[in-house]
Amino acid sequence: MTLTCTRVPDTRVRRLSTTLYCYLFLDDLVLLYPVYVLLFSDTGLTVGQISGLFVLWSMTAVLLEVPSGAWADTVSRRLLLCLAPLLTGACFTLWVLVPSWWAFALGFVLWGAAGAFGSGALEALVYTELDRLGAAGRYARTMGRARTAGVLGVLASLGLAGPVLAVGGWPAVGAASVLSGVLAATVATRFPEHRPAAPAAGSSTVPVPGPPDGAEAEVGWWASLRTGLAEARADRRVRAAVLLVPAVTALWGILDEYTPLLARDTGVPTSTVPLLLLPVWLGMTVGGLLAPTAEHLSTRGYAALLALAAVALAGGAVVRHPGGFVLLGVAFCALQLATVLADARLQARITGPGRATVTSLAGMGTDLAMIVAYGGYALVATTGGHAMAFAAAAGPYLLVAAALLVSGRSGAVPRPRPPGEVVS
């Protein structure tokens, strides 16, 4: 009897993890990813028009990030995770059926909304379910492997996009991308969801199965939004964790889109560029898998991780040689790991009912920082080339590492921490 009881949580954790891995793999198995810019170009869009679409994409995510997080805390996180891939599927359908600037713009609005729906809701659902099963300490490990599953989905897209495009053209690539979204939405229905009831005065929060009904929810959307924002504003530790996520994630989140241009600048033939990018994607894969071994890093260790990433990033870029991409792989490995650990620390510090709302604040900060990063990259790359832009991106990571070291020496009283939390 005892053995059976102890195995139940492990079985449920494995079921949750497997659903998560399948969901993120399918969500990133989008054959349009590596070629959609070519579709824009074939339709006759200029570089300026394409850049405008990227800004529209980011701005949509910024505007909807926090409101959708509050919605996830009020209605259903699982529902938003089902809707997100369906919205991206609608985006790809528009692009392929009626390729034009307006269709691309509307598609990016849908895709931006999908990103906002999934951001915050996914992390909050996974952490809440793991915590309910007494396995909150496995969050970093689980999300690290989940991010790796997403990277594998992208790698599969890179391998399949060319052959499918050659055989069936844009309709085939678009149909395959839409199918992945439908499958991801189907998998999302398998997520468990046990929502905490809103506590009455003097009572403790008790988990209750399923999302609260709209008519029965004890806190509305506006109250949920205010609760999440209040926690981020009032709790210094939560606020610091919210700020760390964009500080770590935003820059390298845009750099991977420019790696093909950096690769071409080394002088290799265009046909060799995909092979040259392999160390970068392998680095991201390994970074996610290293989360279980690095989840107990101290502040000094975490700062050293960011410093390593900065040095490898700058070194790999300035050598202007294909061999430099090995160093870039090291940098992206360290940054993927740092991102997973930053998310784990944030989830461990949130204590209120607005978990998705607070997480969405970090996501909104990331989206805003990425918009600034796109502009900064364009400015530096235009004047100094792609290698100089990559090297310049290393500077902010060194500053973040230095700030963490200073905060770690501030004399704060040590306290017990949940498993998986990075101390600051």
Protein backbone atom coordinates (compact mmCIF):
# COMPACT_ATOMS: atom_id res chain seq x y z
CA MET A 1 0.00 0.00 0.00
CA THR A 2 2.79 2.41 0.89
CA LEU A 3 4.62 1.71 -2.36
CA THR A 4 1.50 2.38 -4.38
CA CYS A 5 0.94 5.73 -2.66
CA THR A 6 4.51 6.89 -3.24
CA ARG A 7 4.35 5.99 -6.92
CA VAL A 8 1.19 7.95 -7.64
CA PRO A 9 2.84 11.41 -7.54
CA ASP A 10 5.73 10.16 -9.69
CA THR A 11 3.28 8.81 -12.26
CA ARG A 12 1.38 12.09 -12.29
CA VAL A 13 4.59 14.10 -12.60
CA ARG A 14 5.68 11.96 -15.54
CA ARG A 15 2.27 12.39 -17.18
CA LEU A 16 2.47 16.16 -16.76
CA SER A 17 6.06 16.25 -18.05
CA THR A 18 5.30 14.10 -21.08
CA THR A 19 2.33 16.29 -22.00
CA LEU A 20 4.50 19.40 -21.63
CA TYR A 21 7.31 18.01 -23.80
CA CYS A 22 4.92 16.94 -26.56
CA TYR A 23 3.14 20.29 -26.44
CA LEU A 24 6.28 22.40 -26.82
CA PHE A 25 7.75 20.09 -29.48
CA LEU A 26 4.61 20.36 -31.61
CA ASP A 27 4.25 24.09 -30.91
CA ASP A 28 7.73 24.68 -32.36
CA LEU A 29 7.43 22.12 -35.17
CA VAL A 30 6.52 24.89 -37.61
CA LEU A 31 7.92 24.38 -41.09
CA LEU A 32 7.31 28.03 -41.92
CA TYR A 33 9.80 29.14 -39.24
CA PRO A 34 12.96 28.93 -41.37
CA VAL A 35 11.37 30.19 -44.60
CA TYR A 36 8.59 32.66 -43.84
CA VAL A 37 10.83 35.65 -44.50
CA LEU A 38 11.35 34.21 -47.99
CA LEU A 39 7.56 34.15 -48.41
CA PHE A 40 7.44 37.83 -47.48
CA SER A 41 10.20 38.59 -49.99
CA ASP A 42 8.57 36.54 -52.75
CA THR A 43 5.37 38.53 -52.19
CA GLY A 44 7.29 41.73 -52.90
CA LEU A 45 7.76 43.19 -49.40
CA THR A 46 10.72 45.49 -48.80
CA VAL A 47 13.12 45.18 -45.87
CA GLY A 48 11.42 48.15 -44.22
CA GLN A 49 7.99 46.54 -44.54
CA ILE A 50 9.29 43.28 -43.09
CA SER A 51 10.86 45.14 -40.16
CA GLY A 52 7.54 46.88 -39.56
CA LEU A 53 5.85 43.49 -39.31
CA PHE A 54 8.34 42.37 -36.64
CA VAL A 55 7.63 45.51 -34.61
CA LEU A 56 3.87 44.91 -34.91
CA TRP A 57 4.42 41.33 -33.72
CA SER A 58 6.34 42.46 -30.65
CA MET A 59 3.95 45.29 -29.81
CA THR A 60 0.95 42.92 -29.90
CA ALA A 61 2.68 40.68 -27.40
CA VAL A 62 3.53 43.66 -25.19
CA LEU A 63 -0.07 44.91 -25.11
CA LEU A 64 -1.65 41.52 -24.43
CA GLU A 65 0.98 39.90 -22.18
CA VAL A 66 -0.20 41.05 -18.75
CA PRO A 67 -3.97 41.12 -19.48
CA SER A 68 -3.79 37.54 -20.78
CA GLY A 69 -1.84 36.52 -17.67
CA ALA A 70 -4.62 37.91 -15.49
CA TRP A 71 -7.14 36.06 -17.65
CA ALA A 72 -5.19 32.83 -17.11
CA ASP A 73 -5.31 33.39 -13.34
CA THR A 74 -9.06 34.04 -13.49
CA VAL A 75 -10.46 31.64 -16.09
CA SER A 76 -8.29 28.73 -17.22
CA ARG A 77 -4.61 28.37 -18.01
CA ARG A 78 -5.28 25.17 -19.93
CA LEU A 79 -7.83 26.97 -22.12
CA LEU A 80 -5.28 29.60 -23.11
CA LEU A 81 -2.72 26.91 -23.90
CA CYS A 82 -5.28 25.30 -26.22
CA LEU A 83 -6.10 28.60 -27.93
CA ALA A 84 -2.49 29.73 -28.48
CA PRO A 85 -1.46 27.17 -31.17
CA LEU A 86 -4.84 27.54 -32.89
CA LEU A 87 -4.18 31.28 -33.25
CA THR A 88 -0.78 30.62 -34.81
CA GLY A 89 -2.44 28.12 -37.14
CA ALA A 90 -4.88 30.83 -38.21
CA CYS A 91 -1.90 33.13 -38.81
CA PHE A 92 -0.20 30.62 -41.13
CA THR A 93 -3.46 29.93 -42.97
CA LEU A 94 -3.82 33.63 -43.76
CA TRP A 95 -0.24 33.91 -44.95
CA VAL A 96 -0.45 31.03 -47.38
CA LEU A 97 -3.98 31.61 -48.72
CA VAL A 98 -3.84 35.39 -49.20
CA PRO A 99 -0.18 36.45 -49.14
CA SER A 100 -0.11 40.24 -48.85
CA TRP A 101 1.18 42.83 -46.40
CA TRP A 102 -2.19 43.14 -44.69
CA ALA A 103 -2.55 39.38 -44.34
CA PHE A 104 0.97 39.18 -42.92
CA ALA A 105 0.19 42.03 -40.50
CA LEU A 106 -3.04 40.42 -39.28
CA GLY A 107 -1.22 37.12 -38.99
CA PHE A 108 1.45 38.66 -36.78
CA VAL A 109 -1.27 40.13 -34.56
CA LEU A 110 -2.70 36.62 -34.17
CA TRP A 111 0.77 35.17 -33.55
CA GLY A 112 1.57 37.88 -31.02
CA ALA A 113 -1.68 37.14 -29.21
CA ALA A 114 -0.82 33.44 -29.22
CA GLY A 115 2.55 34.15 -27.63
CA ALA A 116 0.92 36.30 -24.96
CA PHE A 117 -1.69 33.62 -24.20
CA GLY A 118 0.95 30.93 -23.70
CA SER A 119 3.47 33.08 -21.82
CA GLY A 120 2.75 33.06 -18.11
CA ALA A 121 -0.06 30.52 -18.37
CA LEU A 122 2.31 27.66 -19.22
CA GLU A 123 4.84 28.34 -16.46
CA ALA A 124 2.10 28.98 -13.89
CA LEU A 125 0.23 25.79 -14.75
CA VAL A 126 3.34 23.61 -14.64
CA TYR A 127 4.62 25.05 -11.37
CA THR A 128 1.19 24.87 -9.69
CA GLU A 129 0.70 21.24 -10.70
CA LEU A 130 4.19 20.23 -9.60
CA ASP A 131 3.69 22.03 -6.30
CA ARG A 132 0.36 20.27 -5.77
CA LEU A 133 2.15 16.94 -6.24
CA GLY A 134 4.93 17.92 -3.83
CA ALA A 135 7.43 18.16 -6.69
CA ALA A 136 8.02 21.92 -7.00
CA GLY A 137 11.75 21.20 -6.73
CA ARG A 138 11.57 19.50 -10.12
CA TYR A 139 10.42 22.65 -11.90
CA ALA A 140 13.82 23.72 -13.25
CA ARG A 141 14.56 20.19 -14.47
CA THR A 142 11.15 19.87 -16.10
CA MET A 143 11.23 23.25 -17.82
CA GLY A 144 14.82 22.75 -18.93
CA ARG A 145 13.86 19.53 -20.70
CA ALA A 146 10.71 21.19 -22.04
CA ARG A 147 12.73 23.99 -23.63
CA THR A 148 14.96 21.34 -25.15
CA ALA A 149 11.88 19.66 -26.63
CA GLY A 150 11.00 22.99 -28.23
CA VAL A 151 14.49 23.32 -29.69
CA LEU A 152 14.20 19.82 -31.12
CA GLY A 153 10.95 20.91 -32.76
CA VAL A 154 12.78 23.82 -34.39
CA LEU A 155 15.60 21.52 -35.53
CA ALA A 156 13.05 19.17 -37.10
CA SER A 157 11.49 22.18 -38.86
CA LEU A 158 14.88 23.17 -40.25
CA GLY A 159 15.36 19.70 -41.67
CA LEU A 160 11.86 19.26 -43.10
CA ALA A 161 11.08 22.73 -44.46
CA GLY A 162 13.32 22.50 -47.53
CA PRO A 163 12.13 19.13 -48.82
CA VAL A 164 8.46 19.88 -48.15
CA LEU A 165 8.75 23.28 -49.86
CA ALA A 166 10.44 21.67 -52.87
CA VAL A 167 7.73 19.02 -53.22
CA GLY A 168 4.53 20.91 -52.35
CA GLY A 169 5.41 24.58 -52.35
CA TRP A 170 4.00 27.13 -49.90
CA PRO A 171 0.62 25.36 -49.53
CA ALA A 172 2.32 22.20 -48.25
CA VAL A 173 4.57 24.07 -45.82
CA GLY A 174 1.61 26.10 -44.57
CA ALA A 175 -0.61 23.03 -44.16
CA ALA A 176 2.08 21.21 -42.19
CA SER A 177 2.50 24.24 -39.91
CA VAL A 178 -1.24 24.47 -39.28
CA LEU A 179 -1.40 20.73 -38.56
CA SER A 180 1.30 21.10 -35.90
CA GLY A 181 -0.76 23.81 -34.22
CA VAL A 182 -3.90 21.67 -34.21
CA LEU A 183 -1.97 18.74 -32.73
CA ALA A 184 -0.44 21.00 -30.06
CA ALA A 185 -3.90 22.27 -29.11
CA THR A 186 -5.12 18.68 -28.84
CA VAL A 187 -2.21 17.77 -26.57
CA ALA A 188 -2.95 20.85 -24.41
CA THR A 189 -6.34 19.40 -23.50
CA ARG A 190 -4.42 16.68 -21.62
CA PHE A 191 -2.87 19.15 -19.17
CA PRO A 192 -4.17 18.71 -15.62
CA GLU A 193 -5.40 21.88 -13.95
CA HIS A 194 -6.15 22.24 -10.25
CA ARG A 195 -6.71 25.85 -9.38
CA PRO A 196 -6.34 27.34 -5.88
CA ALA A 197 -9.53 28.84 -4.56
CA ALA A 198 -9.42 32.47 -3.51
CA PRO A 199 -8.79 32.41 0.26
CA ALA A 200 -11.29 33.99 2.62
CA ALA A 201 -10.03 36.19 5.41
CA GLY A 202 -8.02 34.16 7.86
CA SER A 203 -8.22 30.98 5.81
CA SER A 204 -5.53 29.14 3.87
CA THR A 205 -5.54 28.55 0.14
CA VAL A 206 -6.92 25.12 -0.70
CA PRO A 207 -6.44 23.53 -4.14
CA VAL A 208 -9.69 22.75 -5.94
CA PRO A 209 -9.98 20.65 -9.08
CA GLY A 210 -10.50 22.40 -12.38
CA PRO A 211 -10.71 26.06 -13.33
CA PRO A 212 -13.29 28.18 -11.53
CA ASP A 213 -16.48 28.85 -13.43
CA GLY A 214 -16.80 32.44 -14.62
CA ALA A 215 -19.94 32.98 -12.54
CA GLU A 216 -18.45 31.37 -9.46
CA ALA A 217 -14.97 32.83 -9.48
CA GLU A 218 -14.28 34.58 -6.22
CA VAL A 219 -11.93 37.02 -7.87
CA GLY A 220 -12.61 38.65 -11.23
CA TRP A 221 -10.17 39.49 -13.99
CA TRP A 222 -9.52 43.00 -12.68
CA ALA A 223 -8.96 41.81 -9.12
CA SER A 224 -6.61 39.09 -10.36
CA LEU A 225 -4.66 41.64 -12.36
CA ARG A 226 -4.37 43.97 -9.36
CA THR A 227 -3.30 41.10 -7.10
CA GLY A 228 -0.49 40.05 -9.41
CA LEU A 229 0.74 43.58 -9.96
CA ALA A 230 0.61 44.28 -6.22
CA GLU A 231 2.78 41.26 -5.42
CA ALA A 232 5.39 42.26 -7.98
CA ARG A 233 5.40 45.83 -6.67
CA ALA A 234 5.41 45.06 -2.95
CA ASP A 235 7.80 42.09 -2.76
CA ARG A 236 11.35 43.17 -3.51
CA ARG A 237 12.49 39.61 -4.16
CA VAL A 238 9.70 38.95 -6.64
CA ARG A 239 10.38 42.27 -8.35
CA ALA A 240 14.08 41.43 -8.70
CA ALA A 241 13.22 38.03 -10.19
CA VAL A 242 10.77 39.63 -12.64
CA LEU A 243 13.48 42.05 -13.82
CA LEU A 244 16.11 39.34 -14.18
CA VAL A 245 14.07 37.39 -16.75
CA PRO A 246 14.18 40.08 -19.49
CA ALA A 247 17.73 41.04 -18.51
CA VAL A 248 18.85 37.50 -19.34
CA THR A 249 16.41 36.52 -22.09
CA ALA A 250 15.83 39.48 -24.39
CA LEU A 251 19.21 39.92 -26.07
CA TRP A 252 19.97 36.34 -26.95
CA GLY A 253 16.32 35.93 -27.87
CA ILE A 254 16.90 38.19 -30.87
CA LEU A 255 20.47 37.16 -31.68
CA ASP A 256 19.52 33.70 -32.92
CA GLU A 257 17.59 35.36 -35.77
CA TYR A 258 20.77 37.04 -36.98
CA THR A 259 23.10 34.04 -36.72
CA PRO A 260 22.62 33.11 -40.41
CA LEU A 261 23.84 36.59 -41.42
CA LEU A 262 26.81 36.30 -39.07
CA ALA A 263 27.59 32.88 -40.55
CA ARG A 264 27.49 34.21 -44.10
CA ASP A 265 29.89 37.00 -43.13
CA THR A 266 32.55 34.37 -42.34
CA GLY A 267 32.79 33.70 -46.09
CA VAL A 268 31.23 30.24 -46.22
CA PRO A 269 28.86 29.36 -49.09
CA THR A 270 25.16 29.86 -48.44
CA SER A 271 24.62 26.09 -48.60
CA THR A 272 27.00 25.67 -45.64
CA VAL A 273 25.23 28.18 -43.38
CA PRO A 274 22.76 25.65 -41.87
CA LEU A 275 25.64 23.37 -40.88
CA LEU A 276 27.46 26.28 -39.30
CA LEU A 277 24.41 27.01 -37.14
CA LEU A 278 24.36 23.48 -35.74
CA PRO A 279 26.64 24.24 -32.74
CA VAL A 280 24.31 27.09 -31.74
CA TRP A 281 21.21 24.89 -31.66
CA LEU A 282 23.10 22.04 -30.01
CA GLY A 283 24.25 24.51 -27.37
CA MET A 284 20.66 25.51 -26.64
CA THR A 285 19.70 21.84 -26.38
CA VAL A 286 22.48 21.07 -23.90
CA GLY A 287 21.72 24.22 -21.90
CA GLY A 288 18.18 23.05 -21.22
CA LEU A 289 19.36 19.59 -20.20
CA LEU A 290 21.90 21.01 -17.73
CA ALA A 291 19.22 22.67 -15.60
CA PRO A 292 18.98 19.83 -13.02
CA THR A 293 22.70 19.98 -12.27
CA ALA A 294 22.84 23.78 -12.08
CA GLU A 295 19.62 24.61 -10.27
CA HIS A 296 21.40 25.14 -6.93
CA LEU A 297 23.90 27.69 -8.28
CA SER A 298 24.74 30.48 -5.86
CA THR A 299 24.57 34.12 -6.87
CA ARG A 300 28.28 34.07 -7.61
CA GLY A 301 27.92 30.93 -9.71
CA TYR A 302 25.02 32.41 -11.66
CA ALA A 303 26.99 35.61 -12.29
CA ALA A 304 29.93 33.50 -13.50
CA LEU A 305 27.58 31.68 -15.89
CA LEU A 306 26.53 35.01 -17.44
CA ALA A 307 30.14 36.17 -17.62
CA LEU A 308 31.10 32.94 -19.42
CA ALA A 309 28.27 33.51 -21.88
CA ALA A 310 29.40 37.09 -22.52
CA VAL A 311 33.04 36.14 -23.16
CA ALA A 312 32.10 33.23 -25.43
CA LEU A 313 29.59 35.38 -27.32
CA ALA A 314 32.06 38.17 -28.00
CA GLY A 315 34.94 35.79 -28.75
CA GLY A 316 32.93 33.65 -31.13
CA ALA A 317 31.81 36.70 -33.10
CA VAL A 318 35.00 38.73 -33.39
CA VAL A 319 37.15 35.89 -34.75
CA ARG A 320 35.12 36.10 -37.99
CA HIS A 321 35.85 32.43 -38.67
CA PRO A 322 33.59 29.37 -38.88
CA GLY A 323 35.39 27.96 -35.84
CA GLY A 324 33.98 30.81 -33.80
CA PHE A 325 30.58 29.18 -33.93
CA VAL A 326 31.81 26.60 -31.42
CA LEU A 327 32.24 29.45 -28.94
CA LEU A 328 28.81 30.79 -29.91
CA GLY A 329 27.42 27.35 -29.10
CA VAL A 330 28.95 27.63 -25.63
CA ALA A 331 27.42 31.08 -25.21
CA PHE A 332 23.94 29.97 -26.24
CA CYS A 333 24.23 26.92 -23.99
CA ALA A 334 25.01 29.14 -20.99
CA LEU A 335 22.25 31.61 -21.87
CA GLN A 336 19.62 28.90 -22.31
CA LEU A 337 20.60 27.52 -18.91
CA ALA A 338 20.53 31.00 -17.34
CA THR A 339 17.06 31.60 -18.77
CA VAL A 340 15.65 28.37 -17.33
CA LEU A 341 17.15 29.14 -13.92
CA ALA A 342 15.81 32.71 -13.95
CA ASP A 343 12.32 31.39 -14.65
CA ALA A 344 12.67 28.78 -11.88
CA ARG A 345 13.70 31.44 -9.37
CA LEU A 346 10.72 33.61 -10.34
CA GLN A 347 8.25 30.75 -9.91
CA ALA A 348 9.75 29.80 -6.54
CA ARG A 349 9.33 33.36 -5.23
CA ILE A 350 5.72 33.92 -6.28
CA THR A 351 3.40 33.11 -3.39
CA GLY A 352 0.11 34.81 -4.31
CA PRO A 353 -2.73 33.60 -6.55
CA GLY A 354 -1.67 35.78 -9.49
CA ARG A 355 1.16 33.50 -10.64
CA ALA A 356 0.40 33.81 -14.37
CA THR A 357 -0.01 37.58 -14.06
CA VAL A 358 3.37 38.04 -12.38
CA THR A 359 5.03 35.71 -14.89
CA SER A 360 3.43 37.69 -17.71
CA LEU A 361 4.99 40.85 -16.30
CA ALA A 362 8.38 39.26 -16.88
CA GLY A 363 7.26 38.28 -20.37
CA MET A 364 6.13 41.82 -21.14
CA GLY A 365 9.48 43.14 -19.93
CA THR A 366 11.20 40.68 -22.25
CA ASP A 367 9.07 41.79 -25.23
CA LEU A 368 9.81 45.47 -24.54
CA ALA A 369 13.53 44.79 -24.15
CA MET A 370 13.53 42.84 -27.41
CA ILE A 371 12.05 45.79 -29.30
CA VAL A 372 14.88 47.97 -27.98
CA ALA A 373 17.39 45.22 -28.78
CA TYR A 374 16.19 44.95 -32.38
CA GLY A 375 16.77 48.67 -32.83
CA GLY A 376 20.16 48.58 -31.13
CA TYR A 377 21.30 45.61 -33.18
CA ALA A 378 20.26 47.28 -36.43
CA LEU A 379 22.16 50.44 -35.47
CA VAL A 380 25.39 48.65 -34.54
CA ALA A 381 25.25 46.15 -37.42
CA THR A 382 24.68 48.91 -39.97
CA THR A 383 27.77 50.79 -38.86
CA GLY A 384 30.07 47.99 -37.69
CA GLY A 385 28.76 44.72 -39.13
CA HIS A 386 27.15 41.68 -37.57
CA ALA A 387 30.28 40.57 -35.71
CA MET A 388 30.46 43.92 -33.93
CA ALA A 389 26.76 43.75 -33.04
CA PHE A 390 27.17 40.29 -31.49
CA ALA A 391 30.22 41.43 -29.55
CA ALA A 392 28.35 44.51 -28.30
CA ALA A 393 25.56 42.27 -27.02
CA ALA A 394 28.03 40.72 -24.58
CA GLY A 395 28.35 44.00 -22.66
CA PRO A 396 24.91 43.98 -21.01
CA TYR A 397 25.47 40.44 -19.76
CA LEU A 398 28.67 41.50 -18.05
CA LEU A 399 26.76 44.36 -16.42
CA VAL A 400 24.04 42.00 -15.17
CA ALA A 401 26.69 39.65 -13.78
CA ALA A 402 28.35 42.54 -11.95
CA ALA A 403 25.01 43.73 -10.55
CA LEU A 404 24.28 40.24 -9.22
CA LEU A 405 27.64 40.10 -7.49
CA VAL A 406 27.02 43.48 -5.87
CA SER A 407 23.54 42.44 -4.70
CA GLY A 408 24.97 39.20 -3.35
CA ARG A 409 27.37 41.15 -1.14
CA SER A 410 24.68 43.49 0.18
CA GLY A 411 24.54 41.66 3.48
CA ALA A 412 21.04 40.23 3.14
CA VAL A 413 20.20 37.69 5.81
CA PRO A 414 20.25 34.17 4.36
CA ARG A 415 16.97 32.30 4.43
CA PRO A 416 15.85 28.80 3.57
CA ARG A 417 14.96 28.57 -0.12
CA PRO A 418 12.74 26.25 -2.09
CA PRO A 419 14.50 23.57 -4.14
CA GLY A 420 15.61 24.89 -7.51
CA GLU A 421 15.72 28.57 -6.56
CA VAL A 422 18.77 30.60 -7.55
CA VAL A 423 19.86 32.69 -4.60
CA SER A 424 20.25 36.44 -5.03
